[in-house]
Each structure stands twice: as structure tokens, then as C-alpha cells.
Amino acid sequence: MSQSLDTDKLEREVKSMYRDVAESADGAFHFETGRDLAERLGYESDTLTYVPDEAIDSFAGVGYYFEMADLESREDVLDLGSGSGMDAFYAAMNVTETGSVTGVDMTTEQVEKANDLAANNGFHNVSFRQGYIEELPFEDESFDAVISNGVINLSAAKDRVFEEAHRVLRPGGRLALSDIISEQQMPESIKNDADLWAACIGGAEQVDSYTSLVETAGFDLVEVRENTEYEFISDRATNACQKYGVKSISLGARKQDKT
């Protein structure tokens, strides 16, 4: 990470942008939000029927990874950067009421909205906590699966994110995520632009470096797939994507079993 990126400013920009997503899902952003995006990426409409509409309206994910997550009944799932809860509620339909889903997000408004939606829609096994994905407030080996959608690129310490995901997973646990990566190294002018970080572009890691961070944290990489259905919508974001090969991928990995 460049030393000239103001990480405090980055955090303020990211919180501000996703506060706006929580409070006004139909606002003007660099990226799409909502049900049409979710269904185009691969979310099943039959399952979305049971997800609270307000969570779907604020959905700002970049891909679909649930077939990689392979969630089952009775499992405990952690969603990194859970936002208004769309993926967490979707995951809850996979683990059923015998399992649990916990979301963690640093934006107060997102956590409050998601917890209200859980309480008001009968999701007794879904809860949300405020916190940082680089420093998870959970015990070692607490979860069977860790999921995340379009969030890890926002972190200036991606190595810590993957180390923490590894720490809280049980042996043999799965990591499944969608995120934004780049094919080429981006110039400092973009990497130090907090607005483009918040738009999921400035922090995009080169794909080889990204997968290396996952493996260095102790995961066995299972699958990496490009999400061709995802695209940015603002001119500024689109230009960066075309120039540096910024795109969405989904990734599946597994924590090595101790046996």
C-alpha cells in the first residue's frame, strides 16, 4: 500500500458512501444497486422472495459466489462488510433456522438498518455487529464459512482481512467471496484517490497478488471466476476499468484441515 494514501480519509469516504447507500439506495453512485443487479449476477429470484426488500434495494455487491460457499443447514456463517444485510439474509435461507449468520460492518447506519430488518422480518438467527474486517470481534474457529461481496477491495490491509478470516474459520471451513481486482498495476494517482477507493476501484489489487494474499493467509485456493455480468456505471469508474482491467471475480478457498 502506498504511504501517501490517507487511510483516515479513506475510512471517512467509505463510511459516507455506504451511509448514503443505506439511507438512499436510489442515489447516484459509481456502481449499481438493487434487485435487477442481484438477479443478473446470479441470485435466485425464489430465494430473494424471502429477503427483506429494503436489504435488496441497498444491495451493492459485485458478484455471486453462493455455489462456492456451499452452505448447509446448521452451519455458522460470517459476512464481512455485510451492509444492509442482503447476503446475510440470503445465506440464512441456505443454513435454515438451525444455523446462524453474523454480519460485521464498520458503518453504523448499515448495522442499525440490518438489525432492524432482521428483527422486523423474523430472522432470529441473523445478527449484525459494528466492527472492522481487519480486526474481527470473534473467537478463533467460530464459523464454518466466511463470505464477502465487494468489500475487501475497500481495505487498505487486505492481508489482515484474510488472516482474520482464516483465524475465525474452523478447520476445513470455506471462504467464498466476490470482489474487484485489476489486471494491471494502477498508478499512484488512482491508488491515492479516496473517492475511487470508496467506489471499489482505487483499492483493487492485481489478481495474482490478491490470490497470493489468500494463500499466504493459509487457504487452499479452489476456484477463481470472472463475473462478466458486473460493470461500473459512472464515466470515471468505467474509464479506470477499461484502462487497467478492473473487473469483478468470485473466489472460493478452503482452510486446511488439521488432520
C-alpha atoms as a PDB file:
ATOM      1  CA  MET A   1       0.000   0.000   0.000  1.00  0.00           C
ATOM      2  CA  SER A   2       1.263   3.477  -0.805  1.00  0.00           C
ATOM      3  CA  GLN A   3       2.253   5.518   2.210  1.00  0.00           C
ATOM      4  CA  SER A   4       0.557   8.584   0.709  1.00  0.00           C
ATOM      5  CA  LEU A   5      -2.941   7.133   0.905  1.00  0.00           C
ATOM      6  CA  ASP A   6      -4.706   8.876   3.776  1.00  0.00           C
ATOM      7  CA  THR A   7      -6.369   5.877   5.433  1.00  0.00           C
ATOM      8  CA  ASP A   8      -8.379   8.068   7.816  1.00  0.00           C
ATOM      9  CA  LYS A   9      -9.791   9.965   4.865  1.00  0.00           C
ATOM     10  CA  LEU A  10     -10.431   6.660   3.101  1.00  0.00           C
ATOM     11  CA  GLU A  11     -12.446   5.387   6.047  1.00  0.00           C
ATOM     12  CA  ARG A  12     -14.490   8.597   6.122  1.00  0.00           C
ATOM     13  CA  GLU A  13     -15.160   8.372   2.368  1.00  0.00           C
ATOM     14  CA  VAL A  14     -16.192   4.721   2.530  1.00  0.00           C
ATOM     15  CA  LYS A  15     -18.454   5.264   5.545  1.00  0.00           C
ATOM     16  CA  SER A  16     -20.027   8.282   3.870  1.00  0.00           C
ATOM     17  CA  MET A  17     -20.693   6.478   0.604  1.00  0.00           C
ATOM     18  CA  TYR A  18     -22.216   3.393   2.237  1.00  0.00           C
ATOM     19  CA  ARG A  19     -24.187   5.503   4.709  1.00  0.00           C
ATOM     20  CA  ASP A  20     -25.772   7.031   1.625  1.00  0.00           C
ATOM     21  CA  VAL A  21     -26.402   3.554   0.188  1.00  0.00           C
ATOM     22  CA  ALA A  22     -28.149   2.561   3.423  1.00  0.00           C
ATOM     23  CA  GLU A  23     -30.281   5.674   3.557  1.00  0.00           C
ATOM     24  CA  SER A  24     -30.940   6.296  -0.146  1.00  0.00           C
ATOM     25  CA  ALA A  25     -30.482   3.200  -2.288  1.00  0.00           C
ATOM     26  CA  ASP A  26     -31.630   5.025  -5.423  1.00  0.00           C
ATOM     27  CA  GLY A  27     -28.895   7.662  -5.178  1.00  0.00           C
ATOM     28  CA  ALA A  28     -26.244   8.306  -7.815  1.00  0.00           C
ATOM     29  CA  PHE A  29     -23.202   6.074  -7.218  1.00  0.00           C
ATOM     30  CA  HIS A  30     -20.285   4.716  -9.259  1.00  0.00           C
ATOM     31  CA  PHE A  31     -21.954   1.306  -9.042  1.00  0.00           C
ATOM     32  CA  GLU A  32     -25.374  -0.298  -9.418  1.00  0.00           C
ATOM     33  CA  THR A  33     -27.602  -1.319  -6.542  1.00  0.00           C
ATOM     34  CA  GLY A  34     -30.786  -3.320  -6.153  1.00  0.00           C
ATOM     35  CA  ARG A  35     -32.752  -6.363  -7.265  1.00  0.00           C
ATOM     36  CA  ASP A  36     -32.052  -6.188 -11.007  1.00  0.00           C
ATOM     37  CA  LEU A  37     -28.320  -6.234 -10.299  1.00  0.00           C
ATOM     38  CA  ALA A  38     -28.656  -9.148  -7.868  1.00  0.00           C
ATOM     39  CA  GLU A  39     -30.659 -11.293 -10.288  1.00  0.00           C
ATOM     40  CA  ARG A  40     -28.332 -10.526 -13.194  1.00  0.00           C
ATOM     41  CA  LEU A  41     -25.334 -11.596 -11.097  1.00  0.00           C
ATOM     42  CA  GLY A  42     -26.966 -14.940 -10.308  1.00  0.00           C
ATOM     43  CA  TYR A  43     -29.062 -14.604  -7.153  1.00  0.00           C
ATOM     44  CA  GLU A  44     -32.111 -16.853  -7.356  1.00  0.00           C
ATOM     45  CA  SER A  45     -35.380 -14.949  -7.503  1.00  0.00           C
ATOM     46  CA  ASP A  46     -37.180 -17.647  -5.480  1.00  0.00           C
ATOM     47  CA  THR A  47     -34.748 -17.147  -2.589  1.00  0.00           C
ATOM     48  CA  LEU A  48     -34.793 -13.349  -2.919  1.00  0.00           C
ATOM     49  CA  THR A  49     -38.538 -13.508  -2.314  1.00  0.00           C
ATOM     50  CA  TYR A  50     -37.793 -14.167   1.362  1.00  0.00           C
ATOM     51  CA  VAL A  51     -35.113 -11.457   1.698  1.00  0.00           C
ATOM     52  CA  PRO A  52     -36.379  -8.093   3.021  1.00  0.00           C
ATOM     53  CA  ASP A  53     -36.971  -5.670   0.140  1.00  0.00           C
ATOM     54  CA  GLU A  54     -35.055  -2.854   1.829  1.00  0.00           C
ATOM     55  CA  ALA A  55     -31.969  -5.041   2.066  1.00  0.00           C
ATOM     56  CA  ILE A  56     -32.219  -5.903  -1.628  1.00  0.00           C
ATOM     57  CA  ASP A  57     -32.703  -2.244  -2.573  1.00  0.00           C
ATOM     58  CA  SER A  58     -29.393  -1.388  -0.862  1.00  0.00           C
ATOM     59  CA  PHE A  59     -27.525  -4.366  -2.339  1.00  0.00           C
ATOM     60  CA  ALA A  60     -24.238  -3.182  -3.845  1.00  0.00           C
ATOM     61  CA  GLY A  61     -22.471  -6.498  -4.434  1.00  0.00           C
ATOM     62  CA  VAL A  62     -20.223  -7.245  -7.385  1.00  0.00           C
ATOM     63  CA  GLY A  63     -20.804 -10.957  -7.994  1.00  0.00           C
ATOM     64  CA  TYR A  64     -22.427 -14.222  -6.942  1.00  0.00           C
ATOM     65  CA  TYR A  65     -20.448 -16.834  -5.004  1.00  0.00           C
ATOM     66  CA  PHE A  66     -23.002 -18.919  -3.112  1.00  0.00           C
ATOM     67  CA  GLU A  67     -22.386 -22.078  -5.137  1.00  0.00           C
ATOM     68  CA  MET A  68     -18.758 -21.828  -3.974  1.00  0.00           C
ATOM     69  CA  ALA A  69     -19.815 -21.277  -0.368  1.00  0.00           C
ATOM     70  CA  ASP A  70     -21.901 -24.486  -0.477  1.00  0.00           C
ATOM     71  CA  LEU A  71     -23.767 -23.513   2.707  1.00  0.00           C
ATOM     72  CA  GLU A  72     -25.706 -26.205   4.553  1.00  0.00           C
ATOM     73  CA  SER A  73     -28.141 -26.467   7.446  1.00  0.00           C
ATOM     74  CA  ARG A  74     -26.734 -25.957  10.959  1.00  0.00           C
ATOM     75  CA  GLU A  75     -23.691 -24.015   9.747  1.00  0.00           C
ATOM     76  CA  ASP A  76     -22.455 -20.748  11.234  1.00  0.00           C
ATOM     77  CA  VAL A  77     -21.634 -18.089   8.635  1.00  0.00           C
ATOM     78  CA  LEU A  78     -19.829 -14.748   8.888  1.00  0.00           C
ATOM     79  CA  ASP A  79     -20.430 -11.990   6.323  1.00  0.00           C
ATOM     80  CA  LEU A  80     -17.577  -9.468   6.052  1.00  0.00           C
ATOM     81  CA  GLY A  81     -18.823  -5.978   5.240  1.00  0.00           C
ATOM     82  CA  SER A  82     -22.451  -7.028   5.497  1.00  0.00           C
ATOM     83  CA  GLY A  83     -24.013  -3.668   4.613  1.00  0.00           C
ATOM     84  CA  SER A  84     -27.794  -3.672   4.866  1.00  0.00           C
ATOM     85  CA  GLY A  85     -27.777  -7.456   5.104  1.00  0.00           C
ATOM     86  CA  MET A  86     -28.768  -8.778   1.687  1.00  0.00           C
ATOM     87  CA  ASP A  87     -26.149 -11.532   1.525  1.00  0.00           C
ATOM     88  CA  ALA A  88     -26.600 -12.385   5.191  1.00  0.00           C
ATOM     89  CA  PHE A  89     -30.344 -12.875   4.761  1.00  0.00           C
ATOM     90  CA  TYR A  90     -29.735 -14.850   1.573  1.00  0.00           C
ATOM     91  CA  ALA A  91     -27.247 -17.031   3.445  1.00  0.00           C
ATOM     92  CA  ALA A  92     -29.783 -17.556   6.216  1.00  0.00           C
ATOM     93  CA  MET A  93     -32.118 -19.177   3.702  1.00  0.00           C
ATOM     94  CA  ASN A  94     -29.313 -21.674   2.973  1.00  0.00           C
ATOM     95  CA  VAL A  95     -28.356 -22.565   6.555  1.00  0.00           C
ATOM     96  CA  THR A  96     -32.035 -22.538   7.656  1.00  0.00           C
ATOM     97  CA  GLU A  97     -33.097 -21.748  11.220  1.00  0.00           C
ATOM     98  CA  THR A  98     -30.765 -24.465  12.501  1.00  0.00           C
ATOM     99  CA  GLY A  99     -27.737 -22.374  11.523  1.00  0.00           C
ATOM    100  CA  SER A 100     -26.699 -18.781  12.141  1.00  0.00           C
ATOM    101  CA  VAL A 101     -25.447 -15.817  10.144  1.00  0.00           C
ATOM    102  CA  THR A 102     -23.475 -12.940  11.617  1.00  0.00           C
ATOM    103  CA  GLY A 103     -22.661  -9.775   9.715  1.00  0.00           C
ATOM    104  CA  VAL A 104     -19.926  -7.297  10.564  1.00  0.00           C
ATOM    105  CA  ASP A 105     -19.731  -3.791   9.098  1.00  0.00           C
ATOM    106  CA  MET A 106     -17.985  -0.567  10.118  1.00  0.00           C
ATOM    107  CA  THR A 107     -20.850   1.729   9.078  1.00  0.00           C
ATOM    108  CA  THR A 108     -23.241   2.460  11.952  1.00  0.00           C
ATOM    109  CA  GLU A 109     -26.228   3.205   9.708  1.00  0.00           C
ATOM    110  CA  GLN A 110     -25.829  -0.062   7.811  1.00  0.00           C
ATOM    111  CA  VAL A 111     -25.610  -2.147  11.013  1.00  0.00           C
ATOM    112  CA  GLU A 112     -28.650  -0.450  12.553  1.00  0.00           C
ATOM    113  CA  LYS A 113     -30.691  -0.864   9.372  1.00  0.00           C
ATOM    114  CA  ALA A 114     -29.723  -4.537   9.010  1.00  0.00           C
ATOM    115  CA  ASN A 115     -30.549  -5.374  12.632  1.00  0.00           C
ATOM    116  CA  ASP A 116     -33.918  -3.641  12.303  1.00  0.00           C
ATOM    117  CA  LEU A 117     -34.667  -5.630   9.150  1.00  0.00           C
ATOM    118  CA  ALA A 118     -33.707  -8.882  10.884  1.00  0.00           C
ATOM    119  CA  ALA A 119     -35.929  -8.133  13.881  1.00  0.00           C
ATOM    120  CA  ASN A 120     -38.872  -6.952  11.798  1.00  0.00           C
ATOM    121  CA  ASN A 121     -38.789  -9.880   9.376  1.00  0.00           C
ATOM    122  CA  GLY A 122     -38.365 -12.804  11.749  1.00  0.00           C
ATOM    123  CA  PHE A 123     -34.705 -13.589  11.074  1.00  0.00           C
ATOM    124  CA  HIS A 124     -33.946 -14.729  14.620  1.00  0.00           C
ATOM    125  CA  ASN A 125     -30.717 -16.444  13.564  1.00  0.00           C
ATOM    126  CA  VAL A 126     -29.231 -13.370  11.826  1.00  0.00           C
ATOM    127  CA  SER A 127     -27.428 -10.596  13.681  1.00  0.00           C
ATOM    128  CA  PHE A 128     -25.101  -7.710  12.815  1.00  0.00           C
ATOM    129  CA  ARG A 129     -22.226  -6.127  14.702  1.00  0.00           C
ATOM    130  CA  GLN A 130     -20.242  -2.988  14.130  1.00  0.00           C
ATOM    131  CA  GLY A 131     -16.560  -3.685  13.644  1.00  0.00           C
ATOM    132  CA  TYR A 132     -13.626  -3.836  11.279  1.00  0.00           C
ATOM    133  CA  ILE A 133     -12.926  -6.750   8.964  1.00  0.00           C
ATOM    134  CA  GLU A 134      -9.202  -6.332   9.678  1.00  0.00           C
ATOM    135  CA  GLU A 135      -9.822  -6.930  13.394  1.00  0.00           C
ATOM    136  CA  LEU A 136     -12.807  -9.222  13.826  1.00  0.00           C
ATOM    137  CA  PRO A 137     -14.556  -9.254  17.224  1.00  0.00           C
ATOM    138  CA  PHE A 138     -14.956 -13.044  17.253  1.00  0.00           C
ATOM    139  CA  GLU A 139     -13.251 -16.049  18.829  1.00  0.00           C
ATOM    140  CA  ASP A 140     -10.936 -18.380  16.920  1.00  0.00           C
ATOM    141  CA  GLU A 141     -12.661 -21.148  14.917  1.00  0.00           C
ATOM    142  CA  SER A 142     -16.177 -19.735  15.378  1.00  0.00           C
ATOM    143  CA  PHE A 143     -17.541 -20.166  11.846  1.00  0.00           C
ATOM    144  CA  ASP A 144     -17.963 -22.788   9.129  1.00  0.00           C
ATOM    145  CA  ALA A 145     -17.917 -20.282   6.280  1.00  0.00           C
ATOM    146  CA  VAL A 146     -16.844 -16.688   5.703  1.00  0.00           C
ATOM    147  CA  ILE A 147     -18.485 -14.765   2.858  1.00  0.00           C
ATOM    148  CA  SER A 148     -17.992 -11.269   1.472  1.00  0.00           C
ATOM    149  CA  ASN A 149     -19.220  -9.275  -1.508  1.00  0.00           C
ATOM    150  CA  GLY A 150     -17.428  -6.272  -2.997  1.00  0.00           C
ATOM    151  CA  VAL A 151     -15.855  -5.207   0.284  1.00  0.00           C
ATOM    152  CA  ILE A 152     -12.285  -6.478   0.751  1.00  0.00           C
ATOM    153  CA  ASN A 153     -11.021  -4.193  -2.033  1.00  0.00           C
ATOM    154  CA  LEU A 154     -12.016  -1.289   0.243  1.00  0.00           C
ATOM    155  CA  SER A 155      -9.495  -2.363   2.881  1.00  0.00           C
ATOM    156  CA  ALA A 156      -6.005  -0.900   2.923  1.00  0.00           C
ATOM    157  CA  ALA A 157      -4.819  -4.010   4.844  1.00  0.00           C
ATOM    158  CA  LYS A 158      -6.113  -6.923   2.790  1.00  0.00           C
ATOM    159  CA  ASP A 159      -3.535  -9.294   4.250  1.00  0.00           C
ATOM    160  CA  ARG A 160      -5.043  -8.724   7.706  1.00  0.00           C
ATOM    161  CA  VAL A 161      -8.545  -9.367   6.370  1.00  0.00           C
ATOM    162  CA  PHE A 162      -7.604 -12.796   5.034  1.00  0.00           C
ATOM    163  CA  GLU A 163      -5.597 -13.640   8.167  1.00  0.00           C
ATOM    164  CA  GLU A 164      -8.609 -12.775  10.315  1.00  0.00           C
ATOM    165  CA  ALA A 165     -10.967 -14.769   8.099  1.00  0.00           C
ATOM    166  CA  HIS A 166      -8.624 -17.733   8.445  1.00  0.00           C
ATOM    167  CA  ARG A 167      -8.452 -17.303  12.225  1.00  0.00           C
ATOM    168  CA  VAL A 168     -12.217 -17.338  12.803  1.00  0.00           C
ATOM    169  CA  LEU A 169     -12.858 -20.301  10.488  1.00  0.00           C
ATOM    170  CA  ARG A 170     -12.981 -23.850  11.785  1.00  0.00           C
ATOM    171  CA  PRO A 171     -10.597 -26.369  10.177  1.00  0.00           C
ATOM    172  CA  GLY A 172     -11.884 -27.213   6.715  1.00  0.00           C
ATOM    173  CA  GLY A 173     -14.014 -24.055   6.681  1.00  0.00           C
ATOM    174  CA  ARG A 174     -14.726 -22.200   3.445  1.00  0.00           C
ATOM    175  CA  LEU A 175     -14.016 -18.696   2.238  1.00  0.00           C
ATOM    176  CA  ALA A 176     -16.292 -17.559  -0.594  1.00  0.00           C
ATOM    177  CA  LEU A 177     -16.363 -14.029  -1.919  1.00  0.00           C
ATOM    178  CA  SER A 178     -16.814 -11.686  -4.821  1.00  0.00           C
ATOM    179  CA  ASP A 179     -14.549  -8.680  -5.172  1.00  0.00           C
ATOM    180  CA  ILE A 180     -12.982  -6.158  -7.526  1.00  0.00           C
ATOM    181  CA  ILE A 181      -9.459  -6.795  -8.839  1.00  0.00           C
ATOM    182  CA  SER A 182      -7.277  -5.332 -11.590  1.00  0.00           C
ATOM    183  CA  GLU A 183      -5.262  -6.935 -14.355  1.00  0.00           C
ATOM    184  CA  GLN A 184      -2.623  -4.196 -14.266  1.00  0.00           C
ATOM    185  CA  GLN A 185      -0.886  -2.218 -11.545  1.00  0.00           C
ATOM    186  CA  MET A 186      -2.690   1.103 -11.164  1.00  0.00           C
ATOM    187  CA  PRO A 187      -0.852   4.423 -10.867  1.00  0.00           C
ATOM    188  CA  GLU A 188      -0.464   6.230  -7.552  1.00  0.00           C
ATOM    189  CA  SER A 189      -2.905   8.913  -8.721  1.00  0.00           C
ATOM    190  CA  ILE A 190      -5.714   6.353  -8.607  1.00  0.00           C
ATOM    191  CA  LYS A 191      -4.460   4.334  -5.636  1.00  0.00           C
ATOM    192  CA  ASN A 192      -4.292   7.537  -3.555  1.00  0.00           C
ATOM    193  CA  ASP A 193      -7.745   8.773  -4.558  1.00  0.00           C
ATOM    194  CA  ALA A 194     -10.041   8.103  -1.601  1.00  0.00           C
ATOM    195  CA  ASP A 195     -13.155   8.615  -3.740  1.00  0.00           C
ATOM    196  CA  LEU A 196     -12.048   5.928  -6.194  1.00  0.00           C
ATOM    197  CA  TRP A 197     -11.196   3.642  -3.259  1.00  0.00           C
ATOM    198  CA  ALA A 198     -14.713   4.124  -1.928  1.00  0.00           C
ATOM    199  CA  ALA A 199     -16.007   3.352  -5.424  1.00  0.00           C
ATOM    200  CA  CYS A 200     -14.262  -0.070  -5.268  1.00  0.00           C
ATOM    201  CA  ILE A 201     -11.600   0.868  -7.814  1.00  0.00           C
ATOM    202  CA  GLY A 202      -8.620   2.541  -6.131  1.00  0.00           C
ATOM    203  CA  GLY A 203      -8.064  -0.400  -3.803  1.00  0.00           C
ATOM    204  CA  ALA A 204      -8.378  -3.104  -6.450  1.00  0.00           C
ATOM    205  CA  GLU A 205      -5.419  -5.464  -6.083  1.00  0.00           C
ATOM    206  CA  GLN A 206      -3.806  -7.143  -9.070  1.00  0.00           C
ATOM    207  CA  VAL A 207      -5.413 -10.572  -9.342  1.00  0.00           C
ATOM    208  CA  ASP A 208      -2.192 -12.559  -8.849  1.00  0.00           C
ATOM    209  CA  SER A 209      -1.343 -10.520  -5.780  1.00  0.00           C
ATOM    210  CA  TYR A 210      -4.899 -10.946  -4.472  1.00  0.00           C
ATOM    211  CA  THR A 211      -4.872 -14.734  -4.737  1.00  0.00           C
ATOM    212  CA  SER A 212      -1.375 -14.788  -3.248  1.00  0.00           C
ATOM    213  CA  LEU A 213      -2.669 -12.938  -0.173  1.00  0.00           C
ATOM    214  CA  VAL A 214      -5.412 -15.558   0.205  1.00  0.00           C
ATOM    215  CA  GLU A 215      -2.920 -18.426   0.014  1.00  0.00           C
ATOM    216  CA  THR A 216      -0.379 -16.745   2.289  1.00  0.00           C
ATOM    217  CA  ALA A 217      -3.078 -16.484   4.969  1.00  0.00           C
ATOM    218  CA  GLY A 218      -3.315 -20.302   4.940  1.00  0.00           C
ATOM    219  CA  PHE A 219      -6.072 -21.055   2.451  1.00  0.00           C
ATOM    220  CA  ASP A 220      -6.098 -23.572  -0.383  1.00  0.00           C
ATOM    221  CA  LEU A 221      -7.493 -21.842  -3.458  1.00  0.00           C
ATOM    222  CA  VAL A 222     -10.342 -23.831  -5.004  1.00  0.00           C
ATOM    223  CA  GLU A 223     -11.738 -21.636  -7.774  1.00  0.00           C
ATOM    224  CA  VAL A 224     -11.462 -18.148  -9.281  1.00  0.00           C
ATOM    225  CA  ARG A 225     -14.062 -16.994 -11.794  1.00  0.00           C
ATOM    226  CA  GLU A 226     -14.647 -13.694 -13.575  1.00  0.00           C
ATOM    227  CA  ASN A 227     -18.101 -12.118 -13.181  1.00  0.00           C
ATOM    228  CA  THR A 228     -18.752 -10.858 -16.689  1.00  0.00           C
ATOM    229  CA  GLU A 229     -22.225  -9.586 -15.771  1.00  0.00           C
ATOM    230  CA  TYR A 230     -20.848  -6.899 -13.460  1.00  0.00           C
ATOM    231  CA  GLU A 231     -19.962  -3.409 -14.670  1.00  0.00           C
ATOM    232  CA  PHE A 232     -19.442   0.025 -13.176  1.00  0.00           C
ATOM    233  CA  ILE A 233     -21.747   2.801 -14.348  1.00  0.00           C
ATOM    234  CA  SER A 234     -20.073   6.183 -13.821  1.00  0.00           C
ATOM    235  CA  ASP A 235     -17.809   7.533 -16.576  1.00  0.00           C
ATOM    236  CA  ARG A 236     -14.901   7.963 -14.184  1.00  0.00           C
ATOM    237  CA  ALA A 237     -15.150   4.385 -12.937  1.00  0.00           C
ATOM    238  CA  THR A 238     -15.670   2.954 -16.405  1.00  0.00           C
ATOM    239  CA  ASN A 239     -12.569   4.705 -17.734  1.00  0.00           C
ATOM    240  CA  ALA A 240     -10.413   3.239 -14.967  1.00  0.00           C
ATOM    241  CA  CYS A 241     -11.829  -0.217 -15.640  1.00  0.00           C
ATOM    242  CA  GLN A 242     -11.059  -0.068 -19.353  1.00  0.00           C
ATOM    243  CA  LYS A 243      -7.555   1.292 -18.845  1.00  0.00           C
ATOM    244  CA  TYR A 244      -6.371  -1.028 -16.057  1.00  0.00           C
ATOM    245  CA  GLY A 245      -8.540  -4.110 -16.476  1.00  0.00           C
ATOM    246  CA  VAL A 246     -10.532  -3.535 -13.300  1.00  0.00           C
ATOM    247  CA  LYS A 247     -13.174  -6.257 -13.032  1.00  0.00           C
ATOM    248  CA  SER A 248     -15.164  -8.476 -10.700  1.00  0.00           C
ATOM    249  CA  ILE A 249     -14.210 -12.009  -9.710  1.00  0.00           C
ATOM    250  CA  SER A 250     -15.649 -14.643  -7.408  1.00  0.00           C
ATOM    251  CA  LEU A 251     -13.263 -16.785  -5.402  1.00  0.00           C
ATOM    252  CA  GLY A 252     -13.600 -19.946  -3.355  1.00  0.00           C
ATOM    253  CA  ALA A 253     -10.976 -21.231  -0.911  1.00  0.00           C
ATOM    254  CA  ARG A 254     -10.749 -23.633   1.997  1.00  0.00           C
ATOM    255  CA  LYS A 255      -8.925 -23.537   5.321  1.00  0.00           C
ATOM    256  CA  GLN A 256      -6.642 -26.503   5.602  1.00  0.00           C
ATOM    257  CA  ASP A 257      -7.917 -29.208   7.928  1.00  0.00           C
ATOM    258  CA  LYS A 258      -5.711 -30.044  10.881  1.00  0.00           C
ATOM    259  CA  THR A 259      -5.985 -33.773  10.254  1.00  0.00           C
END
